[in-house]
Each structure stands twice: as structure tokens, then as C-alpha cells.
């Protein structure tokens, strides 16, 4: 049976002339859109598009379907508009995020959201976010990915190393790599939001580095600003670097993190097809 989603995908391809742009318009991954068009062609029993390297053209069957598809979609929209006044407001999509996600990066991803539901953003530790997701308090979380997450609806968004952050005015700024002994006399800034805080403390202690601390804070923006003005150095995920800050690898400090989108285990479909996945891919591009 032909569904509205089939017709919306068909019209998106017609209107954009491109499968990639059509997928972005309807908020699905391109493979999902291609599969939807293939299913529609199977249902109508004819090819709808002729594809070549330069453009996509409608077949005779496609042209015949076009008039019907536009009329049906117009009827759908008119019905939705007539019921909108009495329809209940859709519940917001509640998303949990790690506090250590860079604010500018998160803002780009949120700005790319084009879904119909309003967004509500909340933060918490990885353990807190996972617990609230499992209890149904969150609709999705953006957090650290674990190996076992491959068994649930999840999507890796990016991977990055942890590095040493210094002011651009620091003598070691721009160095290719820094040895632990070179920061033994540095004043440190402790990021309490850091997921590997205990590992980092052990790493420095094992190398005989016990620095004084200028500040300990869970506010990463504040920590990075103190680094920028030269009040101390800190270790952080590379994405937290900002203007005025130099991110330099520490020799032997080989910690990395994978950030991904997690959905409830009962979620139907692939995480990559979720509208949030599209927003994050666009924001991270």
C-alpha cells in the first residue's frame, strides 16, 4: 500500500532534483530515501525516475504519479491545517547531553534542527543520562559510546583525543608534542566535568607531576577561558579548544573518546535515520 511517506519522498526528489537534498528535506538518510523510492516503484509497478550523472528526470509513469501525489499531499495539508486549532501540542523531544560537549559545537547542531517537535536540552554525566534514558525520562542522549552500544540503536558522531590546552601566549603553545616533565611546574586547572578525571590524575602522579591548582570547576567554558588568559593549563577533549587556546598532544597521554547518539532500546528503526542524527551531522560538518 502506498503511504504518505512514499509520496513525500517522491515529491522531495522531484522538487530538489537530487536524492541527497531530498533526503535532507524529509529528514532521513539518503539510503533510506532511496529504499523508499524503490519500494514506491515496486508498488506502482513502474520506474519513476531516469537517473544520469547530470540530472534526474521523471519517466512517463513518474509524470502521471506527480499530479496525483501533489493533489494528495495538498489534501493532507489542508486536513492538517483544519485540525491544527484543536490538535494537542506535540510533546517536546527531550535530549540529554554531556556537560563536556563544546558549547559552540552543540549550538551548531541545535541550530540545524528542523524537526516538527520542540527541543528540550538537559545535561548530566554519562551514567545519569543512560539511567534517565532507560527510565523513559529522555528521548535521546548524546554521550560517550561504549563497545556494547553496538547492540542498541546508536550512531557514532565523532571521535577525538584528549590533549593539553594552553594559552597561545604560553612558551609551549604550538609545540608538536609535550612531555609530562615539561608541565611539572605548571599551574593546572581541573575540569571536574572530565570523564577521565581519575585516569588523568593517576597518569600525572605516575610520572611524578603534582602541580598546584588555580581552579577546580565543572564549568568547562570557565575553565577554558581561564586557560585562554594564561591562568593555567588543563587537559581536555580537542573539541573544547577555542580562539586564543593552543591544543597540544601530551606524549603517552593516549586517551580518546567516542561521542554518539543513543536512542531508547525500544526505538524502531536505525539511529542514523533519526532527525536528530541529521541535525548533528549538519552541525558537525
Protein backbone atom coordinates (compact mmCIF):
# COMPACT_ATOMS: atom_id res chain seq x y z
CA UNK A 1 0.00 0.00 0.00
CA UNK A 2 1.31 3.45 -0.92
CA UNK A 3 1.89 5.59 2.17
CA UNK A 4 2.16 9.32 2.60
CA UNK A 5 5.87 8.94 3.36
CA UNK A 6 6.34 7.43 -0.11
CA UNK A 7 4.67 10.42 -1.73
CA UNK A 8 6.56 12.96 0.38
CA UNK A 9 9.88 11.34 -0.59
CA UNK A 10 8.82 11.22 -4.24
CA UNK A 11 7.86 14.92 -4.23
CA UNK A 12 11.09 15.86 -2.43
CA UNK A 13 13.13 14.22 -5.22
CA UNK A 14 11.03 15.97 -7.86
CA UNK A 15 11.33 19.37 -6.19
CA UNK A 16 15.06 19.20 -5.37
CA UNK A 17 16.22 17.17 -8.36
CA UNK A 18 18.69 15.41 -6.11
CA UNK A 19 18.45 12.40 -3.80
CA UNK A 20 20.82 13.86 -1.21
CA UNK A 21 18.94 17.16 -0.92
CA UNK A 22 15.63 15.31 -0.95
CA UNK A 23 16.76 13.16 1.99
CA UNK A 24 17.72 16.30 3.93
CA UNK A 25 14.33 17.86 3.19
CA UNK A 26 12.32 14.96 4.60
CA UNK A 27 14.79 14.28 7.43
CA UNK A 28 16.02 10.78 6.55
CA UNK A 29 19.34 9.29 5.48
CA UNK A 30 19.87 9.03 1.72
CA UNK A 31 19.90 5.20 1.72
CA UNK A 32 16.52 5.23 3.45
CA UNK A 33 15.10 7.62 0.88
CA UNK A 34 16.47 5.52 -2.00
CA UNK A 35 14.89 2.44 -0.44
CA UNK A 36 11.59 4.29 -0.11
CA UNK A 37 11.60 5.32 -3.76
CA UNK A 38 12.46 1.76 -4.80
CA UNK A 39 9.53 0.47 -2.73
CA UNK A 40 7.20 3.06 -4.31
CA UNK A 41 8.33 1.97 -7.79
CA UNK A 42 7.59 -1.62 -6.84
CA UNK A 43 4.13 -0.67 -5.60
CA UNK A 44 3.20 1.26 -8.76
CA UNK A 45 4.88 -1.32 -10.99
CA UNK A 46 6.99 1.13 -12.97
CA UNK A 47 10.18 3.17 -12.83
CA UNK A 48 9.51 6.75 -11.76
CA UNK A 49 12.91 8.37 -12.40
CA UNK A 50 15.58 8.24 -15.07
CA UNK A 51 18.97 8.88 -13.49
CA UNK A 52 22.16 10.07 -15.15
CA UNK A 53 25.22 11.91 -13.93
CA UNK A 54 23.84 15.38 -14.55
CA UNK A 55 20.22 15.23 -13.52
CA UNK A 56 17.20 13.19 -12.54
CA UNK A 57 14.18 13.11 -14.90
CA UNK A 58 10.68 11.77 -14.46
CA UNK A 59 9.53 8.85 -16.56
CA UNK A 60 6.05 8.86 -18.13
CA UNK A 61 4.83 6.90 -15.08
CA UNK A 62 6.50 9.45 -12.82
CA UNK A 63 4.75 12.33 -14.56
CA UNK A 64 1.39 10.59 -14.20
CA UNK A 65 2.01 9.97 -10.50
CA UNK A 66 3.15 13.56 -9.93
CA UNK A 67 -0.28 15.11 -10.43
CA UNK A 68 -1.88 12.61 -8.04
CA UNK A 69 0.91 12.98 -5.46
CA UNK A 70 0.59 16.78 -5.39
CA UNK A 71 -3.18 16.59 -5.04
CA UNK A 72 -2.96 14.03 -2.22
CA UNK A 73 -0.30 15.99 -0.36
CA UNK A 74 -2.38 19.17 -0.75
CA UNK A 75 -5.39 17.35 0.76
CA UNK A 76 -3.25 16.13 3.64
CA UNK A 77 -2.00 19.65 4.36
CA UNK A 78 -5.49 21.13 4.21
CA UNK A 79 -6.76 18.45 6.60
CA UNK A 80 -3.86 19.11 8.99
CA UNK A 81 -4.48 22.86 8.86
CA UNK A 82 -8.20 22.45 9.57
CA UNK A 83 -7.46 20.29 12.62
CA UNK A 84 -4.48 22.27 13.89
CA UNK A 85 -6.54 24.56 16.11
CA UNK A 86 -7.97 21.67 18.08
CA UNK A 87 -4.99 19.32 17.89
CA UNK A 88 -2.94 18.87 21.08
CA UNK A 89 0.53 20.34 21.08
CA UNK A 90 3.15 17.69 20.38
CA UNK A 91 5.31 16.86 23.35
CA UNK A 92 8.88 18.18 23.11
CA UNK A 93 11.84 15.97 22.30
CA UNK A 94 13.96 15.81 25.47
CA UNK A 95 17.66 15.35 24.77
CA UNK A 96 20.36 14.69 27.35
CA UNK A 97 23.94 15.78 26.61
CA UNK A 98 27.30 15.53 28.34
CA UNK A 99 28.37 18.80 30.01
CA UNK A 100 31.78 18.41 28.36
CA UNK A 101 30.40 18.80 24.84
CA UNK A 102 31.72 22.04 23.38
CA UNK A 103 29.05 24.76 23.57
CA UNK A 104 29.74 26.19 20.11
CA UNK A 105 29.55 22.74 18.55
CA UNK A 106 26.29 21.95 20.36
CA UNK A 107 24.79 25.28 19.28
CA UNK A 108 25.52 24.48 15.61
CA UNK A 109 23.80 21.13 15.95
CA UNK A 110 20.77 22.62 17.69
CA UNK A 111 20.52 25.33 15.03
CA UNK A 112 20.41 22.62 12.36
CA UNK A 113 17.31 21.01 13.93
CA UNK A 114 14.37 21.09 11.50
CA UNK A 115 12.04 18.57 13.15
CA UNK A 116 8.43 19.33 13.96
CA UNK A 117 8.78 18.81 17.74
CA UNK A 118 10.27 21.43 20.04
CA UNK A 119 13.55 20.54 21.73
CA UNK A 120 14.34 20.48 25.44
CA UNK A 121 18.01 20.16 26.36
CA UNK A 122 19.36 18.86 29.67
CA UNK A 123 22.79 17.66 30.75
CA UNK A 124 24.27 15.07 33.07
CA UNK A 125 27.03 12.54 33.46
CA UNK A 126 27.16 9.50 31.21
CA UNK A 127 25.71 7.31 33.97
CA UNK A 128 22.92 9.80 34.72
CA UNK A 129 21.97 10.16 31.07
CA UNK A 130 21.87 6.42 30.47
CA UNK A 131 19.72 5.86 33.56
CA UNK A 132 17.23 8.56 32.57
CA UNK A 133 17.09 7.22 29.02
CA UNK A 134 16.33 3.70 30.25
CA UNK A 135 13.62 5.06 32.56
CA UNK A 136 11.89 6.90 29.71
CA UNK A 137 12.72 10.38 31.02
CA UNK A 138 14.80 11.22 27.92
CA UNK A 139 14.07 10.65 24.24
CA UNK A 140 17.74 10.56 23.22
CA UNK A 141 21.18 11.23 24.65
CA UNK A 142 24.48 12.39 23.22
CA UNK A 143 27.17 10.80 25.34
CA UNK A 144 30.24 8.56 25.41
CA UNK A 145 29.89 5.46 23.26
CA UNK A 146 30.74 2.08 24.75
CA UNK A 147 31.50 -1.12 22.80
CA UNK A 148 28.23 -2.67 23.96
CA UNK A 149 26.25 0.21 22.42
CA UNK A 150 26.57 -1.53 19.05
CA UNK A 151 23.76 -3.80 20.29
CA UNK A 152 21.27 -0.92 20.62
CA UNK A 153 20.05 1.98 18.41
CA UNK A 154 23.16 4.18 18.36
CA UNK A 155 25.23 6.27 15.98
CA UNK A 156 28.84 7.44 16.36
CA UNK A 157 29.03 11.18 15.74
CA UNK A 158 32.77 11.76 16.14
CA UNK A 159 35.92 10.55 17.88
CA UNK A 160 38.62 12.77 19.34
CA UNK A 161 41.74 12.72 21.54
CA UNK A 162 42.30 14.37 24.92
CA UNK A 163 45.09 16.95 24.70
CA UNK A 164 46.81 19.61 26.78
CA UNK A 165 45.27 23.09 26.49
CA UNK A 166 47.50 26.16 26.86
CA UNK A 167 47.19 29.86 26.25
CA UNK A 168 48.57 30.97 22.88
CA UNK A 169 50.99 33.14 24.85
CA UNK A 170 52.44 30.09 26.63
CA UNK A 171 56.04 29.20 25.60
CA UNK A 172 54.92 25.63 24.75
CA UNK A 173 51.96 26.71 22.60
CA UNK A 174 52.20 25.28 19.10
CA UNK A 175 54.71 22.61 20.14
CA UNK A 176 54.34 19.38 18.19
CA UNK A 177 54.17 17.26 21.34
CA UNK A 178 54.81 17.92 25.04
CA UNK A 179 56.46 15.60 27.57
CA UNK A 180 54.96 15.23 31.05
CA UNK A 181 58.14 16.61 32.64
CA UNK A 182 57.68 19.85 30.71
CA UNK A 183 54.48 20.65 32.59
CA UNK A 184 55.72 19.61 36.03
CA UNK A 185 55.99 23.23 37.12
CA UNK A 186 52.75 24.39 35.54
CA UNK A 187 49.68 25.60 37.39
CA UNK A 188 46.74 23.37 36.48
CA UNK A 189 43.04 23.92 36.04
CA UNK A 190 40.97 20.85 36.97
CA UNK A 191 37.92 20.19 34.81
CA UNK A 192 35.55 18.39 37.17
CA UNK A 193 33.29 17.52 34.23
CA UNK A 194 36.07 15.43 32.68
CA UNK A 195 35.03 11.81 32.13
CA UNK A 196 38.61 10.59 32.67
CA UNK A 197 39.48 12.81 35.63
CA UNK A 198 40.63 9.89 37.79
CA UNK A 199 42.68 8.39 34.93
CA UNK A 200 44.32 11.76 34.28
CA UNK A 201 45.22 12.22 37.95
CA UNK A 202 46.84 8.76 38.03
CA UNK A 203 48.65 9.46 34.75
CA UNK A 204 50.33 12.61 36.11
CA UNK A 205 51.04 11.06 39.53
CA UNK A 206 52.76 8.06 37.92
CA UNK A 207 55.07 10.50 36.14
CA UNK A 208 55.88 12.45 39.29
CA UNK A 209 53.86 15.50 38.25
CA UNK A 210 51.97 17.02 41.19
CA UNK A 211 51.14 20.57 40.10
CA UNK A 212 49.43 23.33 42.07
CA UNK A 213 45.87 24.18 41.03
CA UNK A 214 44.48 27.58 40.15
CA UNK A 215 40.88 26.38 39.91
CA UNK A 216 38.68 23.31 40.06
CA UNK A 217 35.37 23.69 38.26
CA UNK A 218 32.70 21.68 36.43
CA UNK A 219 32.10 24.66 34.14
CA UNK A 220 34.13 23.91 31.01
CA UNK A 221 33.55 27.32 29.43
CA UNK A 222 35.00 28.96 32.55
CA UNK A 223 37.93 26.54 32.64
CA UNK A 224 38.81 27.15 29.01
CA UNK A 225 38.54 30.90 29.42
CA UNK A 226 40.97 30.76 32.35
CA UNK A 227 43.34 28.78 30.12
CA UNK A 228 42.97 31.40 27.38
CA UNK A 229 44.05 34.25 29.66
CA UNK A 230 47.01 32.24 30.95
CA UNK A 231 45.87 31.33 34.45
CA UNK A 232 46.82 27.69 34.00
CA UNK A 233 46.78 24.69 31.69
CA UNK A 234 44.38 21.76 31.53
CA UNK A 235 43.71 18.53 29.72
CA UNK A 236 40.50 18.34 27.68
CA UNK A 237 38.91 16.83 24.58
CA UNK A 238 40.30 18.51 21.46
CA UNK A 239 36.88 19.94 20.53
CA UNK A 240 36.95 22.27 23.57
CA UNK A 241 39.76 24.34 22.04
CA UNK A 242 38.75 27.90 21.25
CA UNK A 243 40.29 31.09 19.87
CA UNK A 244 43.32 32.01 21.93
CA UNK A 245 43.94 28.44 23.10
CA UNK A 246 46.55 26.00 21.77
CA UNK A 247 45.74 22.26 21.84
CA UNK A 248 48.92 20.15 22.01
CA UNK A 249 49.26 16.34 22.41
CA UNK A 250 50.92 15.01 25.56
CA UNK A 251 53.43 12.22 24.99
CA UNK A 252 51.95 8.94 26.23
CA UNK A 253 48.62 10.52 27.14
CA UNK A 254 46.69 8.37 24.69
CA UNK A 255 43.13 8.77 25.94
CA UNK A 256 40.38 9.22 23.37
CA UNK A 257 36.61 9.44 23.47
CA UNK A 258 33.84 8.45 21.07
CA UNK A 259 30.72 10.59 21.16
CA UNK A 260 27.48 9.19 19.85
CA UNK A 261 23.71 9.40 19.75
CA UNK A 262 21.85 6.83 21.85
CA UNK A 263 18.13 6.13 21.49
CA UNK A 264 15.84 4.00 23.70
CA UNK A 265 16.30 0.27 23.18
CA UNK A 266 12.68 0.01 22.04
CA UNK A 267 13.23 2.56 19.26
CA UNK A 268 12.12 1.23 15.88
CA UNK A 269 14.49 1.91 13.01
CA UNK A 270 18.10 2.93 12.64
CA UNK A 271 19.59 5.70 14.78
CA UNK A 272 21.11 7.17 11.62
CA UNK A 273 17.62 7.86 10.26
CA UNK A 274 16.51 9.82 13.34
CA UNK A 275 16.00 13.57 12.70
CA UNK A 276 18.47 14.29 15.50
CA UNK A 277 21.15 12.39 13.61
CA UNK A 278 20.65 14.68 10.61
CA UNK A 279 20.91 17.79 12.81
CA UNK A 280 24.14 16.60 14.41
CA UNK A 281 25.66 15.56 11.09
CA UNK A 282 24.92 19.01 9.68
CA UNK A 283 26.17 20.79 12.78
CA UNK A 284 29.41 18.80 12.83
CA UNK A 285 30.08 19.11 9.08
